[in-house]
């Protein structure tokens, strides 16, 4: 069986080595490892290798602390020491942007480490199996790996077994969202909830003092039992309040750092016209409005827009307005409105915001801050701005997701 040395981590869960001049990507491998692999899925430029044996472990390898690994597909970098995780995430940012733009970054001071390597997720989504079994998908498979705890879940989050067993076969997933000292449960059902499901969920809330509320969801159907509201600190003395099933960052401690960085990049003043695209419930809109900016927030999720507007009204931010628009309609709306913001902030999903980049470039804002959870789509989208006269300034990465290959990046572009 072929033997290779792993020399780096690449995108996703893979370590990478070379065999006969071709790159071989190997899951559960660590840089410095010498491993036996069985190659499969041979393509023109690379192959996938299945790890059969670690002959010699590299210095960046550790025994994964979680007892459910490597069967569980959740924490795909937990076999790396935490300093190694930070090193390779920073390297990916620096390498990707250098290849795309010739832009040099020092990876040694590029990424903000998480305060906690474990116990950081304020929201955890479990897959549900027969008879109320909870777990996560197996690596590279749809099979369910049953778990009775999760090491990256915030301390205090409990396994939602009562609700899972109560709803059982009607469930696809349950998300647990931390709300102060209690949890809100979001149950994703296979079909719209009826009177029986609502009554069962109500009994769970009434009999468990640690559960503040339950949200039952199936497509557009949505039923709230109890208190579904979650209060999330954005910065000192500024909180956003929103239903637990609306998007919020899983790592709240890191989000406070991200908000501070984005506000430093944007530097909004009382006269600043600021456009916040993919604004959600106001993660960046509200801090900017607190600084006096005239904020326009846009998002496709109507419930998130309603939450953002309620928070702005609660906080007395009269110059903040929020609009519900699908991403594909935002560009045309902005063109028709002849809107000319001074600053644009955007925080799109992993797929990026390719459809909006040309319109942003045509609006000619002085400053654009792009927050991304995928450095590849970030580089793709920034090419349009760089080609339109923008220059990349500060770039900062944040490790929101220790023990996985995921992270967040904020890039600041200035019109030259």
Protein backbone atom coordinates (compact mmCIF):
# COMPACT_ATOMS: atom_id res chain seq x y z
CA UNK A 1 0.00 0.00 0.00
CA UNK A 2 1.44 3.46 -0.91
CA UNK A 3 3.14 5.53 1.78
CA UNK A 4 3.11 9.34 1.65
CA UNK A 5 4.08 12.24 3.89
CA UNK A 6 1.39 14.83 4.66
CA UNK A 7 2.80 18.30 4.09
CA UNK A 8 -0.17 20.66 4.55
CA UNK A 9 -3.87 20.99 5.27
CA UNK A 10 -6.08 21.87 2.36
CA UNK A 11 -9.70 23.10 2.15
CA UNK A 12 -12.13 20.90 4.02
CA UNK A 13 -11.10 17.96 6.20
CA UNK A 14 -8.09 16.88 4.17
CA UNK A 15 -4.38 16.75 4.73
CA UNK A 16 -2.44 16.72 1.48
CA UNK A 17 0.64 14.82 0.33
CA UNK A 18 2.02 13.70 -3.04
CA UNK A 19 2.35 10.37 -4.77
CA UNK A 20 4.07 10.09 -8.17
CA UNK A 21 3.76 13.84 -8.62
CA UNK A 22 0.02 13.94 -7.96
CA UNK A 23 -1.60 15.53 -4.90
CA UNK A 24 -3.37 13.06 -2.62
CA UNK A 25 -5.94 14.40 -0.17
CA UNK A 26 -6.35 12.32 2.98
CA UNK A 27 -9.02 12.88 5.63
CA UNK A 28 -7.97 12.56 9.31
CA UNK A 29 -4.31 13.11 8.40
CA UNK A 30 -2.08 15.79 9.94
CA UNK A 31 0.93 17.65 8.53
CA UNK A 32 4.13 15.75 9.28
CA UNK A 33 2.36 12.37 9.32
CA UNK A 34 3.78 9.51 7.31
CA UNK A 35 0.75 7.42 6.37
CA UNK A 36 -0.32 4.41 4.39
CA UNK A 37 -3.19 5.28 2.08
CA UNK A 38 -5.49 3.53 -0.32
CA UNK A 39 -6.07 5.85 -3.27
CA UNK A 40 -9.47 6.17 -4.91
CA UNK A 41 -11.37 8.73 -6.94
CA UNK A 42 -8.38 9.47 -9.13
CA UNK A 43 -8.78 12.70 -11.05
CA UNK A 44 -6.52 14.58 -13.40
CA UNK A 45 -4.89 16.80 -10.78
CA UNK A 46 -5.44 14.92 -7.54
CA UNK A 47 -6.70 11.78 -5.87
CA UNK A 48 -8.56 11.04 -2.66
CA UNK A 49 -6.66 8.76 -0.31
CA UNK A 50 -8.22 6.75 2.49
CA UNK A 51 -6.05 6.63 5.58
CA UNK A 52 -5.17 3.04 6.47
CA UNK A 53 -2.35 3.48 8.98
CA UNK A 54 -0.29 6.24 10.58
CA UNK A 55 3.27 4.96 10.34
CA UNK A 56 4.80 8.00 12.02
CA UNK A 57 2.78 10.81 13.61
CA UNK A 58 3.67 14.43 12.91
CA UNK A 59 4.21 16.89 15.75
CA UNK A 60 0.91 18.64 14.93
CA UNK A 61 -1.14 15.48 15.48
CA UNK A 62 -2.90 14.69 18.74
CA UNK A 63 -5.38 12.08 19.91
CA UNK A 64 -8.79 13.66 19.36
CA UNK A 65 -10.36 14.22 22.81
CA UNK A 66 -13.89 13.45 21.60
CA UNK A 67 -14.86 9.78 22.07
CA UNK A 68 -17.14 9.88 18.99
CA UNK A 69 -14.33 10.65 16.55
CA UNK A 70 -13.41 9.72 13.89
CA UNK A 71 -16.87 8.19 13.25
CA UNK A 72 -18.66 11.51 13.79
CA UNK A 73 -18.31 13.91 10.87
CA UNK A 74 -18.57 17.08 12.96
CA UNK A 75 -15.11 18.12 14.19
CA UNK A 76 -12.97 17.27 11.20
CA UNK A 77 -9.79 18.99 12.52
CA UNK A 78 -9.91 17.84 16.14
CA UNK A 79 -6.96 15.51 15.55
CA UNK A 80 -4.78 18.64 15.09
CA UNK A 81 -3.37 20.54 18.05
CA UNK A 82 -5.10 23.89 18.44
CA UNK A 83 -2.01 25.96 17.50
CA UNK A 84 -1.76 23.86 14.31
CA UNK A 85 -5.41 24.52 13.51
CA UNK A 86 -4.81 28.27 13.75
CA UNK A 87 -1.63 28.04 11.70
CA UNK A 88 -3.27 26.24 8.78
CA UNK A 89 -6.39 28.39 8.76
CA UNK A 90 -4.25 31.53 8.59
CA UNK A 91 -2.15 29.93 5.88
CA UNK A 92 -5.25 29.26 3.79
CA UNK A 93 -6.30 32.90 3.96
CA UNK A 94 -2.84 34.20 3.13
CA UNK A 95 -2.24 31.71 0.31
CA UNK A 96 -5.66 32.19 -1.31
CA UNK A 97 -5.47 35.99 -1.38
CA UNK A 98 -1.86 35.96 -2.54
CA UNK A 99 -2.70 33.68 -5.45
CA UNK A 100 -5.71 35.78 -6.41
CA UNK A 101 -4.24 39.27 -6.04
CA UNK A 102 -0.53 39.01 -5.23
CA UNK A 103 -1.58 40.44 -1.89
CA UNK A 104 0.88 39.49 0.86
CA UNK A 105 -0.32 38.79 4.37
CA UNK A 106 1.68 37.67 7.38
CA UNK A 107 -0.06 34.46 8.52
CA UNK A 108 1.65 34.57 11.91
CA UNK A 109 -0.64 37.39 13.10
CA UNK A 110 -3.66 36.95 10.86
CA UNK A 111 -6.23 34.96 12.83
CA UNK A 112 -7.91 35.70 16.14
CA UNK A 113 -7.85 32.58 18.32
CA UNK A 114 -11.05 31.54 20.04
CA UNK A 115 -11.15 32.13 23.80
CA UNK A 116 -12.29 28.50 24.22
CA UNK A 117 -11.35 25.54 22.05
CA UNK A 118 -14.28 23.53 23.43
CA UNK A 119 -17.65 24.56 24.86
CA UNK A 120 -18.04 27.50 22.48
CA UNK A 121 -21.16 26.71 20.40
CA UNK A 122 -24.23 28.59 21.65
CA UNK A 123 -26.35 26.74 19.10
CA UNK A 124 -26.04 23.07 18.17
CA UNK A 125 -28.16 21.17 15.64
CA UNK A 126 -28.64 17.44 16.14
CA UNK A 127 -29.85 14.95 13.56
CA UNK A 128 -32.74 12.79 14.73
CA UNK A 129 -33.11 9.07 14.16
CA UNK A 130 -35.75 6.48 15.03
CA UNK A 131 -37.12 6.41 18.58
CA UNK A 132 -35.67 9.83 19.41
CA UNK A 133 -32.02 8.97 18.86
CA UNK A 134 -29.83 12.09 18.52
CA UNK A 135 -26.46 12.51 16.87
CA UNK A 136 -24.50 13.75 13.89
CA UNK A 137 -23.85 12.42 10.42
CA UNK A 138 -20.91 10.05 10.07
CA UNK A 139 -17.92 11.33 8.13
CA UNK A 140 -18.57 10.90 4.40
CA UNK A 141 -21.90 9.19 5.02
CA UNK A 142 -25.56 9.85 5.77
CA UNK A 143 -25.44 7.31 8.62
CA UNK A 144 -26.27 8.68 12.06
CA UNK A 145 -23.66 8.51 14.82
CA UNK A 146 -25.54 8.54 18.12
CA UNK A 147 -24.04 10.84 20.78
CA UNK A 148 -24.93 11.61 24.38
CA UNK A 149 -22.95 14.85 24.56
CA UNK A 150 -20.97 17.26 22.36
CA UNK A 151 -17.64 18.73 23.45
CA UNK A 152 -17.97 21.92 21.39
CA UNK A 153 -21.46 22.74 22.72
CA UNK A 154 -21.57 25.61 25.19
CA UNK A 155 -21.45 24.42 28.77
CA UNK A 156 -24.96 24.04 30.12
CA UNK A 157 -26.56 23.02 26.84
CA UNK A 158 -28.43 19.78 27.43
CA UNK A 159 -29.25 17.02 24.98
CA UNK A 160 -32.90 17.60 23.93
CA UNK A 161 -33.86 13.97 24.50
CA UNK A 162 -37.30 14.67 26.01
CA UNK A 163 -38.54 16.52 22.92
CA UNK A 164 -36.80 14.09 20.56
CA UNK A 165 -38.50 11.09 22.15
CA UNK A 166 -41.83 12.90 22.35
CA UNK A 167 -41.90 13.75 18.63
CA UNK A 168 -39.75 10.79 17.49
CA UNK A 169 -40.53 9.73 13.89
CA UNK A 170 -41.93 13.17 13.00
CA UNK A 171 -38.55 14.84 13.53
CA UNK A 172 -35.65 15.54 11.17
CA UNK A 173 -33.47 17.72 13.39
CA UNK A 174 -33.46 19.61 16.68
CA UNK A 175 -31.39 22.73 17.24
CA UNK A 176 -30.57 23.78 20.79
CA UNK A 177 -30.00 27.53 21.22
CA UNK A 178 -28.65 28.87 24.49
CA UNK A 179 -30.75 31.67 26.03
CA UNK A 180 -29.20 32.94 29.24
CA UNK A 181 -29.27 29.99 31.64
CA UNK A 182 -31.93 28.12 29.63
CA UNK A 183 -32.35 26.66 26.15
CA UNK A 184 -34.74 27.27 23.29
CA UNK A 185 -35.35 24.21 21.10
CA UNK A 186 -36.05 24.47 17.39
CA UNK A 187 -37.62 21.28 16.06
CA UNK A 188 -37.54 20.74 12.29
CA UNK A 189 -40.42 18.44 11.44
CA UNK A 190 -41.11 16.30 8.37
CA UNK A 191 -44.49 17.97 7.91
CA UNK A 192 -46.38 20.93 9.34
CA UNK A 193 -47.14 20.58 13.07
CA UNK A 194 -50.65 19.63 14.05
CA UNK A 195 -52.51 19.92 17.33
CA UNK A 196 -50.89 16.76 18.70
CA UNK A 197 -47.30 17.95 18.04
CA UNK A 198 -48.10 21.36 19.51
CA UNK A 199 -49.56 19.81 22.67
CA UNK A 200 -46.60 17.46 23.06
CA UNK A 201 -44.14 20.35 22.71
CA UNK A 202 -46.15 22.40 25.21
CA UNK A 203 -45.85 19.62 27.78
CA UNK A 204 -42.08 19.54 27.28
CA UNK A 205 -41.85 23.27 28.00
CA UNK A 206 -44.18 23.07 31.01
CA UNK A 207 -42.37 20.13 32.63
CA UNK A 208 -38.76 21.18 32.02
CA UNK A 209 -37.66 24.41 33.74
CA UNK A 210 -34.42 24.46 31.72
CA UNK A 211 -36.31 24.90 28.44
CA UNK A 212 -37.57 28.44 27.80
CA UNK A 213 -39.50 27.60 24.65
CA UNK A 214 -39.90 25.43 21.57
CA UNK A 215 -40.27 26.43 17.93
CA UNK A 216 -41.82 23.85 15.61
CA UNK A 217 -40.88 24.32 11.95
CA UNK A 218 -41.69 22.57 8.68
CA UNK A 219 -41.16 24.58 5.50
CA UNK A 220 -43.12 27.83 5.91
CA UNK A 221 -45.10 26.45 8.86
CA UNK A 222 -43.93 27.79 12.22
CA UNK A 223 -45.40 27.40 15.71
CA UNK A 224 -43.96 28.99 18.87
CA UNK A 225 -44.55 27.54 22.33
CA UNK A 226 -43.23 29.44 25.34
CA UNK A 227 -40.47 32.05 25.10
CA UNK A 228 -38.54 31.78 21.82
CA UNK A 229 -36.58 34.99 22.28
CA UNK A 230 -32.78 34.92 22.54
CA UNK A 231 -30.74 37.91 23.72
CA UNK A 232 -27.27 38.19 22.18
CA UNK A 233 -24.61 40.70 23.17
CA UNK A 234 -23.05 42.48 20.18
CA UNK A 235 -20.86 44.88 22.13
CA UNK A 236 -20.87 46.42 25.57
CA UNK A 237 -24.41 47.48 26.54
CA UNK A 238 -25.78 46.62 23.09
CA UNK A 239 -27.91 43.51 22.65
CA UNK A 240 -29.95 42.11 19.82
CA UNK A 241 -33.13 40.20 20.66
CA UNK A 242 -34.52 37.71 18.13
CA UNK A 243 -36.30 34.38 17.86
CA UNK A 244 -33.98 31.42 18.29
CA UNK A 245 -34.60 30.05 14.78
CA UNK A 246 -33.20 33.17 13.10
CA UNK A 247 -29.55 33.10 12.10
CA UNK A 248 -26.99 34.14 14.67
CA UNK A 249 -23.32 33.27 14.98
CA UNK A 250 -22.68 30.11 16.98
CA UNK A 251 -19.62 31.54 18.75
CA UNK A 252 -20.86 34.60 20.61
CA UNK A 253 -17.51 35.51 22.18
CA UNK A 254 -15.86 35.60 18.77
CA UNK A 255 -18.78 37.52 17.28
CA UNK A 256 -18.14 40.37 19.73
CA UNK A 257 -14.58 40.56 18.37
CA UNK A 258 -15.81 40.40 14.78
CA UNK A 259 -18.30 43.21 15.35
CA UNK A 260 -15.56 45.36 16.89
CA UNK A 261 -13.28 44.72 13.91
CA UNK A 262 -15.97 45.49 11.34
CA UNK A 263 -16.90 48.70 13.14
CA UNK A 264 -13.23 49.72 13.21
CA UNK A 265 -12.99 49.09 9.46
CA UNK A 266 -16.26 50.91 8.67
CA UNK A 267 -15.62 53.78 11.13
CA UNK A 268 -19.23 55.00 10.80
CA UNK A 269 -20.02 58.59 11.74
CA UNK A 270 -23.27 60.46 12.22
CA UNK A 271 -23.28 61.43 8.53
CA UNK A 272 -22.36 58.01 7.13
CA UNK A 273 -24.83 56.35 4.74
CA UNK A 274 -24.23 52.65 5.41
CA UNK A 275 -25.68 49.74 3.48
CA UNK A 276 -25.69 46.39 5.31
CA UNK A 277 -26.38 43.49 2.92
CA UNK A 278 -27.37 40.08 4.34
CA UNK A 279 -27.98 42.03 7.55
CA UNK A 280 -29.93 39.35 9.42
CA UNK A 281 -31.35 40.64 12.68
CA UNK A 282 -28.84 43.50 12.77
CA UNK A 283 -25.48 42.04 13.80
CA UNK A 284 -23.61 44.94 12.15
CA UNK A 285 -26.53 47.31 11.46
CA UNK A 286 -27.29 47.99 15.11
CA UNK A 287 -23.70 48.78 16.19
CA UNK A 288 -23.37 51.09 13.16
CA UNK A 289 -26.68 52.80 13.97
CA UNK A 290 -25.56 53.27 17.58
CA UNK A 291 -22.63 55.26 16.20
CA UNK A 292 -25.07 57.51 14.35
CA UNK A 293 -24.86 56.05 10.84
CA UNK A 294 -27.88 56.20 8.55
CA UNK A 295 -28.27 52.45 8.10
CA UNK A 296 -30.16 50.56 5.41
CA UNK A 297 -30.25 46.84 6.10
CA UNK A 298 -31.29 44.30 3.47
CA UNK A 299 -31.93 40.57 3.91
CA UNK A 300 -34.02 37.90 2.22
CA UNK A 301 -35.38 36.57 5.54
CA UNK A 302 -38.53 38.56 6.37
CA UNK A 303 -38.53 37.39 9.99
CA UNK A 304 -34.94 38.60 10.42
CA UNK A 305 -35.83 41.99 8.93
CA UNK A 306 -38.77 42.28 11.33
CA UNK A 307 -36.47 41.47 14.23
CA UNK A 308 -33.90 44.04 13.09
CA UNK A 309 -36.59 46.72 12.80
CA UNK A 310 -37.97 45.88 16.26
CA UNK A 311 -34.50 46.10 17.79
CA UNK A 312 -33.80 49.42 16.09
CA UNK A 313 -37.09 50.82 17.39
CA UNK A 314 -36.42 49.46 20.89
CA UNK A 315 -33.01 51.13 20.89
CA UNK A 316 -34.27 54.40 19.45
CA UNK A 317 -32.32 54.20 16.19
CA UNK A 318 -34.65 56.28 14.03
CA UNK A 319 -32.25 56.50 11.07
CA UNK A 320 -32.12 52.72 10.56
CA UNK A 321 -34.41 51.13 8.00
CA UNK A 322 -34.67 47.48 6.99
CA UNK A 323 -35.91 45.92 3.76
CA UNK A 324 -36.79 42.30 2.97
CA UNK A 325 -35.49 41.41 -0.49
CA UNK A 326 -34.27 38.23 -2.14
CA UNK A 327 -30.59 38.40 -3.05
CA UNK A 328 -31.30 38.28 -6.78
CA UNK A 329 -33.64 41.28 -6.47
CA UNK A 330 -31.35 43.43 -4.35
CA UNK A 331 -29.12 44.53 -7.22
CA UNK A 332 -32.06 45.77 -9.31
CA UNK A 333 -33.62 47.49 -6.30
CA UNK A 334 -30.42 49.38 -5.57
CA UNK A 335 -30.06 50.38 -9.21
CA UNK A 336 -33.59 51.72 -9.41
CA UNK A 337 -33.27 53.54 -6.09
CA UNK A 338 -30.05 55.23 -7.27
CA UNK A 339 -28.72 54.62 -3.81
CA UNK A 340 -25.17 55.81 -3.13
CA UNK A 341 -23.89 54.61 0.24
CA UNK A 342 -20.61 55.77 1.74
CA UNK A 343 -19.94 52.31 3.18
CA UNK A 344 -21.15 48.81 2.33
CA UNK A 345 -20.98 45.85 4.71
CA UNK A 346 -21.92 42.41 3.45
CA UNK A 347 -21.93 39.05 5.20
CA UNK A 348 -23.27 36.55 2.65
CA UNK A 349 -23.71 32.79 3.03
CA UNK A 350 -20.97 30.37 2.02
CA UNK A 351 -21.92 30.66 -1.66
CA UNK A 352 -20.91 34.32 -1.65
CA UNK A 353 -22.48 37.34 -3.32
CA UNK A 354 -21.35 37.17 -6.96
CA UNK A 355 -24.67 38.58 -8.25
CA UNK A 356 -24.27 41.76 -6.20
CA UNK A 357 -20.62 42.64 -6.71
CA UNK A 358 -20.95 44.58 -9.96
CA UNK A 359 -23.76 46.70 -8.51
CA UNK A 360 -21.69 47.41 -5.40
CA UNK A 361 -18.79 48.48 -7.60
CA UNK A 362 -21.10 50.76 -9.64
CA UNK A 363 -22.38 52.47 -6.47
CA UNK A 364 -18.78 53.52 -5.75
CA UNK A 365 -18.87 53.46 -1.95
CA UNK A 366 -15.67 54.71 -0.40
CA UNK A 367 -15.40 51.60 1.76
CA UNK A 368 -16.52 47.97 1.46
CA UNK A 369 -16.25 45.43 4.28
CA UNK A 370 -16.84 41.85 3.18
CA UNK A 371 -17.30 39.22 5.89
CA UNK A 372 -17.00 35.66 4.62
CA UNK A 373 -17.05 32.10 5.91
CA UNK A 374 -15.43 30.81 2.69
CA UNK A 375 -12.17 32.38 1.59
CA UNK A 376 -12.50 30.88 -1.91
CA UNK A 377 -15.78 32.65 -2.71
CA UNK A 378 -14.41 35.76 -0.97
CA UNK A 379 -11.48 35.88 -3.40
CA UNK A 380 -13.81 35.25 -6.35
CA UNK A 381 -16.11 38.14 -5.39
CA UNK A 382 -13.33 40.57 -4.49
CA UNK A 383 -11.89 40.27 -8.01
CA UNK A 384 -14.81 42.35 -9.28
CA UNK A 385 -14.13 45.12 -6.77
CA UNK A 386 -10.38 45.07 -7.31
CA UNK A 387 -10.99 45.24 -11.06
CA UNK A 388 -13.29 48.20 -10.45
CA UNK A 389 -10.73 50.35 -8.68
CA UNK A 390 -10.75 49.06 -5.12
CA UNK A 391 -7.67 48.16 -3.12
CA UNK A 392 -7.56 45.52 -0.38
CA UNK A 393 -6.58 47.04 2.93
CA UNK A 394 -6.85 45.22 6.24
CA UNK A 395 -7.73 41.52 6.39
CA UNK A 396 -8.51 39.74 9.63
CA UNK A 397 -9.56 36.13 10.25
CA UNK A 398 -11.46 34.80 13.26
CA UNK A 399 -11.59 31.22 14.46
CA UNK A 400 -15.31 30.90 15.09
CA UNK A 401 -15.27 27.11 14.76
CA UNK A 402 -12.34 25.46 16.60
CA UNK A 403 -11.75 21.80 15.75
CA UNK A 404 -13.28 22.21 12.30
CA UNK A 405 -11.80 23.58 9.08
CA UNK A 406 -14.22 26.54 9.11
CA UNK A 407 -13.44 30.15 10.04
CA UNK A 408 -14.57 33.72 9.28
CA UNK A 409 -12.67 36.42 7.40
CA UNK A 410 -13.26 40.18 7.27
CA UNK A 411 -11.68 42.08 4.36
CA UNK A 412 -11.69 45.88 4.04
CA UNK A 413 -11.52 47.44 0.57
CA UNK A 414 -11.03 51.13 -0.16
CA UNK A 415 -11.83 53.00 -3.37
CA UNK A 416 -8.61 54.34 -4.90
